[in-house]
Amino acid sequence: MLTVALPTKGRLEAPSTELFHQAGFRFERTERSLSVPVQDAPIELLFVRTSDVAELVADGVADLGVTGLDVVVEADARVSTVCDLGYGRCTLVAAVPDGSTVNSIEAFAGLRVATSHPRTVGAYFSAKGIDVTPVPLSGSVEVAPKLAIADAVADLVSTGSTMLVNGLRPVSTILESQAVLVEAAGTERKGTADTVITMLTAAMAARRKRYLVMNAPASAVPSIAEIIPGIESPTVVALAAPDMVAVHSVVDVGDVWHVIPRLRDAGASGILVLPVQQVLA
């Protein structure tokens, strides 16, 4: 039985559950469920706090886990990152009050820095030879300068709006973070784990793709194939109408806007743009 630790509560819970469902793992979970089996697969999902995932994987309680890269770095757990998952993006930023004269990371020397990531922040400044005093806080980091318990902060931001509202000015990026899949460092991976990784990466690849289906004169196929070559080649299927075909192809989601006018000019009609569940190249 393969055990996978997933975050419960917090910003990573919903997108992690959504990704596993998209990857084809069927499971039902109630609000109080701490673990659930995956239907038709030897996999158990363990729902735990995001901050506990890395340690549970390092200790062998779970074979794989989903957590934030910032949590992995802060925990300094014995885990390896298998792949980035592409959601939960945020940045650990060093910032000072708007009225501060500090304009460079070197000017942080001697300051008290409030943060919920004291290990990461301490290591960052130490590597640069800058002496700071991390002030560990589990929440409300932004208000620390106003409470006079710190001179600066190092906090996670997604858009930066919270810092602006609290009168803080970013100075330097300490760490770029997002959700990651982790496994214990130096351990032999189970075969089922490879399947899980393959299905997850296939689901992530699908999010960057769209499936196009259209009708076109057979004579237009060469021109359409140049516009949407697909993963290897477009699929062409003869229709009941003489000299008409259906063309199927996969394109990058960012290219859809550009290729549709060109496809219509090439003779395509009845164009359908469909989501893709998984892409296994």
C-alpha atoms as a PDB file:
ATOM      1  CA  MET A   1       0.000   0.000   0.000  1.00  0.00           C
ATOM      2  CA  LEU A   2       1.379   3.397  -1.025  1.00  0.00           C
ATOM      3  CA  THR A   3       0.624   6.314   1.307  1.00  0.00           C
ATOM      4  CA  VAL A   4       0.438   9.887   0.025  1.00  0.00           C
ATOM      5  CA  ALA A   5       0.228  12.826   2.438  1.00  0.00           C
ATOM      6  CA  LEU A   6      -1.951  15.712   1.268  1.00  0.00           C
ATOM      7  CA  PRO A   7      -2.518  19.072   2.953  1.00  0.00           C
ATOM      8  CA  THR A   8      -5.714  19.611   4.865  1.00  0.00           C
ATOM      9  CA  LYS A   9      -6.922  23.193   5.282  1.00  0.00           C
ATOM     10  CA  GLY A  10      -4.976  26.160   3.962  1.00  0.00           C
ATOM     11  CA  ARG A  11      -4.360  27.408   0.453  1.00  0.00           C
ATOM     12  CA  LEU A  12      -2.959  24.091  -0.856  1.00  0.00           C
ATOM     13  CA  GLU A  13      -5.856  21.839   0.177  1.00  0.00           C
ATOM     14  CA  ALA A  14      -8.386  22.537  -2.601  1.00  0.00           C
ATOM     15  CA  PRO A  15      -5.946  22.635  -5.557  1.00  0.00           C
ATOM     16  CA  SER A  16      -4.183  19.470  -4.319  1.00  0.00           C
ATOM     17  CA  THR A  17      -7.462  17.574  -4.097  1.00  0.00           C
ATOM     18  CA  GLU A  18      -8.467  18.885  -7.516  1.00  0.00           C
ATOM     19  CA  LEU A  19      -5.179  17.762  -9.067  1.00  0.00           C
ATOM     20  CA  PHE A  20      -5.488  14.228  -7.682  1.00  0.00           C
ATOM     21  CA  HIS A  21      -9.059  13.966  -8.949  1.00  0.00           C
ATOM     22  CA  GLN A  22      -7.983  15.199 -12.393  1.00  0.00           C
ATOM     23  CA  ALA A  23      -5.145  12.669 -12.403  1.00  0.00           C
ATOM     24  CA  GLY A  24      -7.750   9.904 -12.128  1.00  0.00           C
ATOM     25  CA  PHE A  25      -7.544   9.035  -8.441  1.00  0.00           C
ATOM     26  CA  ARG A  26     -11.088   8.391  -7.231  1.00  0.00           C
ATOM     27  CA  PHE A  27     -11.738   8.948  -3.552  1.00  0.00           C
ATOM     28  CA  GLU A  28     -14.371  10.379  -1.271  1.00  0.00           C
ATOM     29  CA  ARG A  29     -13.518  12.378   1.805  1.00  0.00           C
ATOM     30  CA  THR A  30     -15.626  13.847   4.578  1.00  0.00           C
ATOM     31  CA  GLU A  31     -14.576  16.887   6.555  1.00  0.00           C
ATOM     32  CA  ARG A  32     -13.341  14.733   9.440  1.00  0.00           C
ATOM     33  CA  SER A  33     -11.577  12.062   7.385  1.00  0.00           C
ATOM     34  CA  LEU A  34      -7.876  11.831   8.200  1.00  0.00           C
ATOM     35  CA  SER A  35      -7.208   9.078   5.661  1.00  0.00           C
ATOM     36  CA  VAL A  36      -9.126   7.617   2.737  1.00  0.00           C
ATOM     37  CA  PRO A  37      -8.413   4.795   0.268  1.00  0.00           C
ATOM     38  CA  VAL A  38      -8.196   5.460  -3.449  1.00  0.00           C
ATOM     39  CA  GLN A  39     -10.731   3.341  -5.311  1.00  0.00           C
ATOM     40  CA  ASP A  40      -9.292   0.578  -7.512  1.00  0.00           C
ATOM     41  CA  ALA A  41      -5.681   1.372  -6.553  1.00  0.00           C
ATOM     42  CA  PRO A  42      -3.376   0.304  -3.675  1.00  0.00           C
ATOM     43  CA  ILE A  43      -3.074   3.891  -2.456  1.00  0.00           C
ATOM     44  CA  GLU A  44      -4.100   5.570   0.782  1.00  0.00           C
ATOM     45  CA  LEU A  45      -4.367   9.353   1.075  1.00  0.00           C
ATOM     46  CA  LEU A  46      -3.383  10.823   4.425  1.00  0.00           C
ATOM     47  CA  PHE A  47      -4.731  14.325   5.160  1.00  0.00           C
ATOM     48  CA  VAL A  48      -2.466  16.304   7.494  1.00  0.00           C
ATOM     49  CA  ARG A  49      -1.295  19.844   8.153  1.00  0.00           C
ATOM     50  CA  THR A  50       0.852  21.261   5.369  1.00  0.00           C
ATOM     51  CA  SER A  51       3.662  21.892   7.844  1.00  0.00           C
ATOM     52  CA  ASP A  52       3.727  18.194   8.841  1.00  0.00           C
ATOM     53  CA  VAL A  53       3.945  16.673   5.349  1.00  0.00           C
ATOM     54  CA  ALA A  54       7.719  16.870   4.881  1.00  0.00           C
ATOM     55  CA  GLU A  55       8.491  15.294   8.275  1.00  0.00           C
ATOM     56  CA  LEU A  56       5.974  12.475   7.743  1.00  0.00           C
ATOM     57  CA  VAL A  57       7.564  11.664   4.385  1.00  0.00           C
ATOM     58  CA  ALA A  58      11.092  11.885   5.809  1.00  0.00           C
ATOM     59  CA  ASP A  59      10.126   9.519   8.650  1.00  0.00           C
ATOM     60  CA  GLY A  60       8.594   6.982   6.241  1.00  0.00           C
ATOM     61  CA  VAL A  61       5.022   7.434   7.466  1.00  0.00           C
ATOM     62  CA  ALA A  62       4.099   8.539   3.920  1.00  0.00           C
ATOM     63  CA  ASP A  63       5.810   7.553   0.677  1.00  0.00           C
ATOM     64  CA  LEU A  64       4.954  10.777  -1.158  1.00  0.00           C
ATOM     65  CA  GLY A  65       3.623  14.122  -0.032  1.00  0.00           C
ATOM     66  CA  VAL A  66       2.363  17.470  -1.295  1.00  0.00           C
ATOM     67  CA  THR A  67       3.471  20.621   0.503  1.00  0.00           C
ATOM     68  CA  GLY A  68       4.945  24.044  -0.173  1.00  0.00           C
ATOM     69  CA  LEU A  69       8.582  24.427  -1.125  1.00  0.00           C
ATOM     70  CA  ASP A  70       8.916  27.077   1.587  1.00  0.00           C
ATOM     71  CA  VAL A  71       7.769  24.497   4.155  1.00  0.00           C
ATOM     72  CA  VAL A  72      10.327  21.961   2.893  1.00  0.00           C
ATOM     73  CA  VAL A  73      13.158  24.484   3.107  1.00  0.00           C
ATOM     74  CA  GLU A  74      12.102  25.706   6.558  1.00  0.00           C
ATOM     75  CA  ALA A  75      11.723  22.176   7.955  1.00  0.00           C
ATOM     76  CA  ASP A  76      15.115  21.123   6.554  1.00  0.00           C
ATOM     77  CA  ALA A  77      13.620  17.641   6.331  1.00  0.00           C
ATOM     78  CA  ARG A  78      15.356  14.717   4.620  1.00  0.00           C
ATOM     79  CA  VAL A  79      13.171  14.828   1.512  1.00  0.00           C
ATOM     80  CA  SER A  80      13.722  15.341  -2.192  1.00  0.00           C
ATOM     81  CA  THR A  81      11.497  17.306  -4.539  1.00  0.00           C
ATOM     82  CA  VAL A  82      10.050  14.996  -7.212  1.00  0.00           C
ATOM     83  CA  CYS A  83       8.366  17.740  -9.249  1.00  0.00           C
ATOM     84  CA  ASP A  84       6.840  21.195  -9.053  1.00  0.00           C
ATOM     85  CA  LEU A  85       3.039  21.146  -9.126  1.00  0.00           C
ATOM     86  CA  GLY A  86       2.403  24.606 -10.576  1.00  0.00           C
ATOM     87  CA  TYR A  87       0.004  26.051  -7.997  1.00  0.00           C
ATOM     88  CA  GLY A  88       0.213  27.763  -4.615  1.00  0.00           C
ATOM     89  CA  ARG A  89       2.847  30.124  -5.983  1.00  0.00           C
ATOM     90  CA  CYS A  90       4.134  32.688  -3.510  1.00  0.00           C
ATOM     91  CA  THR A  91       7.317  34.518  -2.608  1.00  0.00           C
ATOM     92  CA  LEU A  92       9.151  34.901   0.689  1.00  0.00           C
ATOM     93  CA  VAL A  93      10.011  38.588   0.677  1.00  0.00           C
ATOM     94  CA  ALA A  94      12.134  40.754   2.965  1.00  0.00           C
ATOM     95  CA  ALA A  95      10.382  44.067   3.549  1.00  0.00           C
ATOM     96  CA  VAL A  96      10.632  47.209   5.667  1.00  0.00           C
ATOM     97  CA  PRO A  97       8.162  49.924   6.706  1.00  0.00           C
ATOM     98  CA  ASP A  98       7.542  52.600   4.083  1.00  0.00           C
ATOM     99  CA  GLY A  99       9.319  55.208   6.169  1.00  0.00           C
ATOM    100  CA  SER A 100      12.495  53.154   6.553  1.00  0.00           C
ATOM    101  CA  THR A 101      15.752  54.323   4.992  1.00  0.00           C
ATOM    102  CA  VAL A 102      16.686  50.714   4.169  1.00  0.00           C
ATOM    103  CA  ASN A 103      16.905  50.293   0.374  1.00  0.00           C
ATOM    104  CA  SER A 104      19.125  47.228  -0.019  1.00  0.00           C
ATOM    105  CA  ILE A 105      19.434  43.811   1.532  1.00  0.00           C
ATOM    106  CA  GLU A 106      22.872  44.751   2.918  1.00  0.00           C
ATOM    107  CA  ALA A 107      21.222  47.527   4.945  1.00  0.00           C
ATOM    108  CA  PHE A 108      19.330  44.871   6.946  1.00  0.00           C
ATOM    109  CA  ALA A 109      22.505  44.346   9.010  1.00  0.00           C
ATOM    110  CA  GLY A 110      21.689  44.608  12.711  1.00  0.00           C
ATOM    111  CA  LEU A 111      17.910  44.577  12.212  1.00  0.00           C
ATOM    112  CA  ARG A 112      15.316  42.411  13.922  1.00  0.00           C
ATOM    113  CA  VAL A 113      13.374  40.528  11.233  1.00  0.00           C
ATOM    114  CA  ALA A 114       9.966  39.102  12.109  1.00  0.00           C
ATOM    115  CA  THR A 115       9.095  35.938  10.192  1.00  0.00           C
ATOM    116  CA  SER A 116       7.322  32.595  10.314  1.00  0.00           C
ATOM    117  CA  HIS A 117      10.363  31.128   8.483  1.00  0.00           C
ATOM    118  CA  PRO A 118      13.237  31.824  10.927  1.00  0.00           C
ATOM    119  CA  ARG A 119      15.474  28.979   9.690  1.00  0.00           C
ATOM    120  CA  THR A 120      15.146  30.009   6.040  1.00  0.00           C
ATOM    121  CA  VAL A 121      15.603  33.700   6.788  1.00  0.00           C
ATOM    122  CA  GLY A 122      18.584  33.074   9.054  1.00  0.00           C
ATOM    123  CA  ALA A 123      20.281  30.908   6.436  1.00  0.00           C
ATOM    124  CA  TYR A 124      19.612  33.466   3.671  1.00  0.00           C
ATOM    125  CA  PHE A 125      21.191  36.377   5.534  1.00  0.00           C
ATOM    126  CA  SER A 126      24.016  34.224   6.911  1.00  0.00           C
ATOM    127  CA  ALA A 127      24.945  33.135   3.372  1.00  0.00           C
ATOM    128  CA  LYS A 128      25.271  36.812   2.462  1.00  0.00           C
ATOM    129  CA  GLY A 129      27.320  37.596   5.544  1.00  0.00           C
ATOM    130  CA  ILE A 130      24.609  39.865   6.953  1.00  0.00           C
ATOM    131  CA  ASP A 131      23.956  39.714  10.694  1.00  0.00           C
ATOM    132  CA  VAL A 132      20.240  39.909  11.521  1.00  0.00           C
ATOM    133  CA  THR A 133      18.119  38.701  14.418  1.00  0.00           C
ATOM    134  CA  PRO A 134      15.155  36.579  13.261  1.00  0.00           C
ATOM    135  CA  VAL A 135      12.050  37.095  15.403  1.00  0.00           C
ATOM    136  CA  PRO A 136       9.900  33.947  15.074  1.00  0.00           C
ATOM    137  CA  LEU A 137       6.163  34.588  14.731  1.00  0.00           C
ATOM    138  CA  SER A 138       3.476  32.121  13.706  1.00  0.00           C
ATOM    139  CA  GLY A 139       1.129  34.774  12.318  1.00  0.00           C
ATOM    140  CA  SER A 140       0.428  38.495  11.882  1.00  0.00           C
ATOM    141  CA  VAL A 141       4.014  39.009  10.743  1.00  0.00           C
ATOM    142  CA  GLU A 142       3.135  42.230   8.897  1.00  0.00           C
ATOM    143  CA  VAL A 143       2.211  44.119  12.057  1.00  0.00           C
ATOM    144  CA  ALA A 144       5.469  43.358  13.893  1.00  0.00           C
ATOM    145  CA  PRO A 145       7.149  46.705  13.038  1.00  0.00           C
ATOM    146  CA  LYS A 146       4.069  48.616  14.234  1.00  0.00           C
ATOM    147  CA  LEU A 147       4.222  46.717  17.511  1.00  0.00           C
ATOM    148  CA  ALA A 148       7.936  47.578  17.813  1.00  0.00           C
ATOM    149  CA  ILE A 149       8.915  43.927  18.160  1.00  0.00           C
ATOM    150  CA  ALA A 150      10.839  43.974  14.861  1.00  0.00           C
ATOM    151  CA  ASP A 151      12.442  46.445  12.459  1.00  0.00           C
ATOM    152  CA  ALA A 152      11.612  44.501   9.297  1.00  0.00           C
ATOM    153  CA  VAL A 153       9.709  41.421   8.156  1.00  0.00           C
ATOM    154  CA  ALA A 154      10.207  38.404   5.922  1.00  0.00           C
ATOM    155  CA  ASP A 155       6.832  37.056   4.884  1.00  0.00           C
ATOM    156  CA  LEU A 156       5.107  35.069   2.156  1.00  0.00           C
ATOM    157  CA  VAL A 157       3.240  37.139  -0.427  1.00  0.00           C
ATOM    158  CA  SER A 158       1.154  36.179  -3.451  1.00  0.00           C
ATOM    159  CA  THR A 159       0.202  39.591  -4.851  1.00  0.00           C
ATOM    160  CA  GLY A 160       1.896  41.923  -2.379  1.00  0.00           C
ATOM    161  CA  SER A 161      -1.378  43.674  -1.532  1.00  0.00           C
ATOM    162  CA  THR A 162      -1.247  42.678   2.156  1.00  0.00           C
ATOM    163  CA  MET A 163       2.164  44.271   2.531  1.00  0.00           C
ATOM    164  CA  LEU A 164       0.983  47.469   0.871  1.00  0.00           C
ATOM    165  CA  VAL A 165      -2.061  47.653   3.141  1.00  0.00           C
ATOM    166  CA  ASN A 166       0.211  47.306   6.174  1.00  0.00           C
ATOM    167  CA  GLY A 167       2.619  49.973   5.001  1.00  0.00           C
ATOM    168  CA  LEU A 168       5.483  47.676   4.047  1.00  0.00           C
ATOM    169  CA  ARG A 169       7.908  48.008   1.143  1.00  0.00           C
ATOM    170  CA  PRO A 170       9.538  44.883  -0.393  1.00  0.00           C
ATOM    171  CA  VAL A 171      13.324  45.032  -0.619  1.00  0.00           C
ATOM    172  CA  SER A 172      14.468  41.558  -1.695  1.00  0.00           C
ATOM    173  CA  THR A 173      13.174  38.111  -2.609  1.00  0.00           C
ATOM    174  CA  ILE A 174      14.402  35.361  -0.310  1.00  0.00           C
ATOM    175  CA  LEU A 175      12.638  32.345  -1.849  1.00  0.00           C
ATOM    176  CA  GLU A 176      10.224  31.564  -4.700  1.00  0.00           C
ATOM    177  CA  SER A 177       7.785  28.889  -3.560  1.00  0.00           C
ATOM    178  CA  GLN A 178       4.981  26.727  -4.934  1.00  0.00           C
ATOM    179  CA  ALA A 179       3.400  23.366  -4.202  1.00  0.00           C
ATOM    180  CA  VAL A 180       5.792  20.456  -4.706  1.00  0.00           C
ATOM    181  CA  LEU A 181       5.625  16.666  -4.598  1.00  0.00           C
ATOM    182  CA  VAL A 182       8.247  15.217  -2.249  1.00  0.00           C
ATOM    183  CA  GLU A 183       9.656  11.812  -1.350  1.00  0.00           C
ATOM    184  CA  ALA A 184      12.121  10.663   1.290  1.00  0.00           C
ATOM    185  CA  ALA A 185      15.709  11.351   0.277  1.00  0.00           C
ATOM    186  CA  GLY A 186      17.819   8.330  -0.587  1.00  0.00           C
ATOM    187  CA  THR A 187      15.033   5.743  -0.439  1.00  0.00           C
ATOM    188  CA  GLU A 188      14.094   3.284  -3.165  1.00  0.00           C
ATOM    189  CA  ARG A 189      10.878   4.341  -4.855  1.00  0.00           C
ATOM    190  CA  LYS A 190       7.994   1.872  -4.971  1.00  0.00           C
ATOM    191  CA  GLY A 191       6.579   0.969  -8.390  1.00  0.00           C
ATOM    192  CA  THR A 192       3.190   2.406  -7.472  1.00  0.00           C
ATOM    193  CA  ALA A 193       4.886   5.712  -6.702  1.00  0.00           C
ATOM    194  CA  ASP A 194       6.119   5.930 -10.285  1.00  0.00           C
ATOM    195  CA  THR A 195       2.538   5.470 -11.481  1.00  0.00           C
ATOM    196  CA  VAL A 196       1.297   8.224  -9.181  1.00  0.00           C
ATOM    197  CA  ILE A 197       4.025  10.580 -10.410  1.00  0.00           C
ATOM    198  CA  THR A 198       3.225   9.768 -14.050  1.00  0.00           C
ATOM    199  CA  MET A 199      -0.485  10.445 -13.587  1.00  0.00           C
ATOM    200  CA  LEU A 200       0.118  13.711 -11.749  1.00  0.00           C
ATOM    201  CA  THR A 201       2.548  15.015 -14.356  1.00  0.00           C
ATOM    202  CA  ALA A 202       0.095  13.985 -17.088  1.00  0.00           C
ATOM    203  CA  ALA A 203      -2.661  15.981 -15.390  1.00  0.00           C
ATOM    204  CA  MET A 204      -0.388  19.005 -15.006  1.00  0.00           C
ATOM    205  CA  ALA A 205       0.642  18.813 -18.661  1.00  0.00           C
ATOM    206  CA  ALA A 206      -3.030  18.691 -19.663  1.00  0.00           C
ATOM    207  CA  ARG A 207      -3.707  21.997 -17.942  1.00  0.00           C
ATOM    208  CA  ARG A 208      -1.414  23.664 -20.447  1.00  0.00           C
ATOM    209  CA  LYS A 209      -3.188  22.108 -23.438  1.00  0.00           C
ATOM    210  CA  ARG A 210      -6.482  22.328 -25.337  1.00  0.00           C
ATOM    211  CA  TYR A 211      -8.015  19.785 -27.720  1.00  0.00           C
ATOM    212  CA  LEU A 212      -9.213  21.244 -31.021  1.00  0.00           C
ATOM    213  CA  VAL A 213     -11.748  19.490 -33.254  1.00  0.00           C
ATOM    214  CA  MET A 214     -12.930  20.956 -36.550  1.00  0.00           C
ATOM    215  CA  ASN A 215     -14.361  20.155 -39.953  1.00  0.00           C
ATOM    216  CA  ALA A 216     -12.499  21.116 -43.096  1.00  0.00           C
ATOM    217  CA  PRO A 217     -12.195  20.312 -46.813  1.00  0.00           C
ATOM    218  CA  ALA A 218      -9.681  17.517 -47.381  1.00  0.00           C
ATOM    219  CA  SER A 219      -7.683  19.909 -49.524  1.00  0.00           C
ATOM    220  CA  ALA A 220      -7.144  22.166 -46.477  1.00  0.00           C
ATOM    221  CA  VAL A 221      -5.452  19.506 -44.342  1.00  0.00           C
ATOM    222  CA  PRO A 222      -1.857  20.396 -45.312  1.00  0.00           C
ATOM    223  CA  SER A 223      -2.406  24.054 -44.362  1.00  0.00           C
ATOM    224  CA  ILE A 224      -4.171  23.129 -41.099  1.00  0.00           C
ATOM    225  CA  ALA A 225      -1.413  20.655 -40.186  1.00  0.00           C
ATOM    226  CA  GLU A 226       1.131  23.454 -40.470  1.00  0.00           C
ATOM    227  CA  ILE A 227      -0.890  25.611 -38.069  1.00  0.00           C
ATOM    228  CA  ILE A 228      -1.626  22.892 -35.481  1.00  0.00           C
ATOM    229  CA  PRO A 229       0.909  20.065 -35.882  1.00  0.00           C
ATOM    230  CA  GLY A 230      -0.150  18.538 -32.536  1.00  0.00           C
ATOM    231  CA  ILE A 231       2.013  16.340 -30.356  1.00  0.00           C
ATOM    232  CA  GLU A 232       3.185  14.303 -33.344  1.00  0.00           C
ATOM    233  CA  SER A 233       0.612  14.846 -36.100  1.00  0.00           C
ATOM    234  CA  PRO A 234      -3.059  15.882 -36.327  1.00  0.00           C
ATOM    235  CA  THR A 235      -5.661  13.121 -36.536  1.00  0.00           C
ATOM    236  CA  VAL A 236      -7.703  13.258 -39.743  1.00  0.00           C
ATOM    237  CA  VAL A 237     -11.022  11.390 -40.025  1.00  0.00           C
ATOM    238  CA  ALA A 238     -13.144  11.180 -43.178  1.00  0.00           C
ATOM    239  CA  LEU A 239     -16.704  12.538 -42.881  1.00  0.00           C
ATOM    240  CA  ALA A 240     -19.889  11.384 -44.615  1.00  0.00           C
ATOM    241  CA  ALA A 241     -19.856  14.461 -46.840  1.00  0.00           C
ATOM    242  CA  PRO A 242     -17.611  13.996 -49.881  1.00  0.00           C
ATOM    243  CA  ASP A 243     -14.143  15.529 -49.616  1.00  0.00           C
ATOM    244  CA  MET A 244     -14.739  16.656 -46.014  1.00  0.00           C
ATOM    245  CA  VAL A 245     -12.734  15.572 -42.968  1.00  0.00           C
ATOM    246  CA  ALA A 246     -12.602  16.127 -39.225  1.00  0.00           C
ATOM    247  CA  VAL A 247      -9.238  17.291 -37.899  1.00  0.00           C
ATOM    248  CA  HIS A 248      -8.250  16.705 -34.264  1.00  0.00           C
ATOM    249  CA  SER A 249      -5.156  18.192 -32.625  1.00  0.00           C
ATOM    250  CA  VAL A 250      -3.707  19.342 -29.315  1.00  0.00           C
ATOM    251  CA  VAL A 251      -2.356  22.869 -28.881  1.00  0.00           C
ATOM    252  CA  ASP A 252      -0.860  24.930 -26.073  1.00  0.00           C
ATOM    253  CA  VAL A 253      -3.549  26.864 -24.222  1.00  0.00           C
ATOM    254  CA  GLY A 254      -1.722  30.121 -24.897  1.00  0.00           C
ATOM    255  CA  ASP A 255      -1.804  29.500 -28.670  1.00  0.00           C
ATOM    256  CA  VAL A 256      -5.581  29.004 -28.998  1.00  0.00           C
ATOM    257  CA  TRP A 257      -6.296  32.702 -29.373  1.00  0.00           C
ATOM    258  CA  HIS A 258      -3.787  32.978 -32.210  1.00  0.00           C
ATOM    259  CA  VAL A 259      -4.492  29.804 -34.184  1.00  0.00           C
ATOM    260  CA  ILE A 260      -8.295  29.957 -34.439  1.00  0.00           C
ATOM    261  CA  PRO A 261      -8.385  32.903 -36.894  1.00  0.00           C
ATOM    262  CA  ARG A 262      -5.720  31.186 -38.996  1.00  0.00           C
ATOM    263  CA  LEU A 263      -7.658  27.903 -38.969  1.00  0.00           C
ATOM    264  CA  ARG A 264     -10.813  29.648 -40.167  1.00  0.00           C
ATOM    265  CA  ASP A 265      -8.845  31.363 -42.931  1.00  0.00           C
ATOM    266  CA  ALA A 266      -7.480  27.937 -43.926  1.00  0.00           C
ATOM    267  CA  GLY A 267     -11.026  26.582 -44.356  1.00  0.00           C
ATOM    268  CA  ALA A 268     -11.826  25.055 -40.965  1.00  0.00           C
ATOM    269  CA  SER A 269     -15.365  25.333 -39.590  1.00  0.00           C
ATOM    270  CA  GLY A 270     -17.312  24.081 -36.557  1.00  0.00           C
ATOM    271  CA  ILE A 271     -14.217  24.470 -34.393  1.00  0.00           C
ATOM    272  CA  LEU A 272     -14.502  23.003 -30.889  1.00  0.00           C
ATOM    273  CA  VAL A 273     -12.071  23.930 -28.108  1.00  0.00           C
ATOM    274  CA  LEU A 274     -12.112  21.281 -25.375  1.00  0.00           C
ATOM    275  CA  PRO A 275     -10.263  20.793 -22.076  1.00  0.00           C
ATOM    276  CA  VAL A 276      -7.804  17.906 -21.778  1.00  0.00           C
ATOM    277  CA  GLN A 277      -7.841  15.560 -18.791  1.00  0.00           C
ATOM    278  CA  GLN A 278      -4.342  14.089 -19.084  1.00  0.00           C
ATOM    279  CA  VAL A 279      -1.444  14.143 -21.535  1.00  0.00           C
ATOM    280  CA  LEU A 280       0.967  11.191 -21.563  1.00  0.00           C
ATOM    281  CA  ALA A 281       3.509  11.881 -24.266  1.00  0.00           C
END
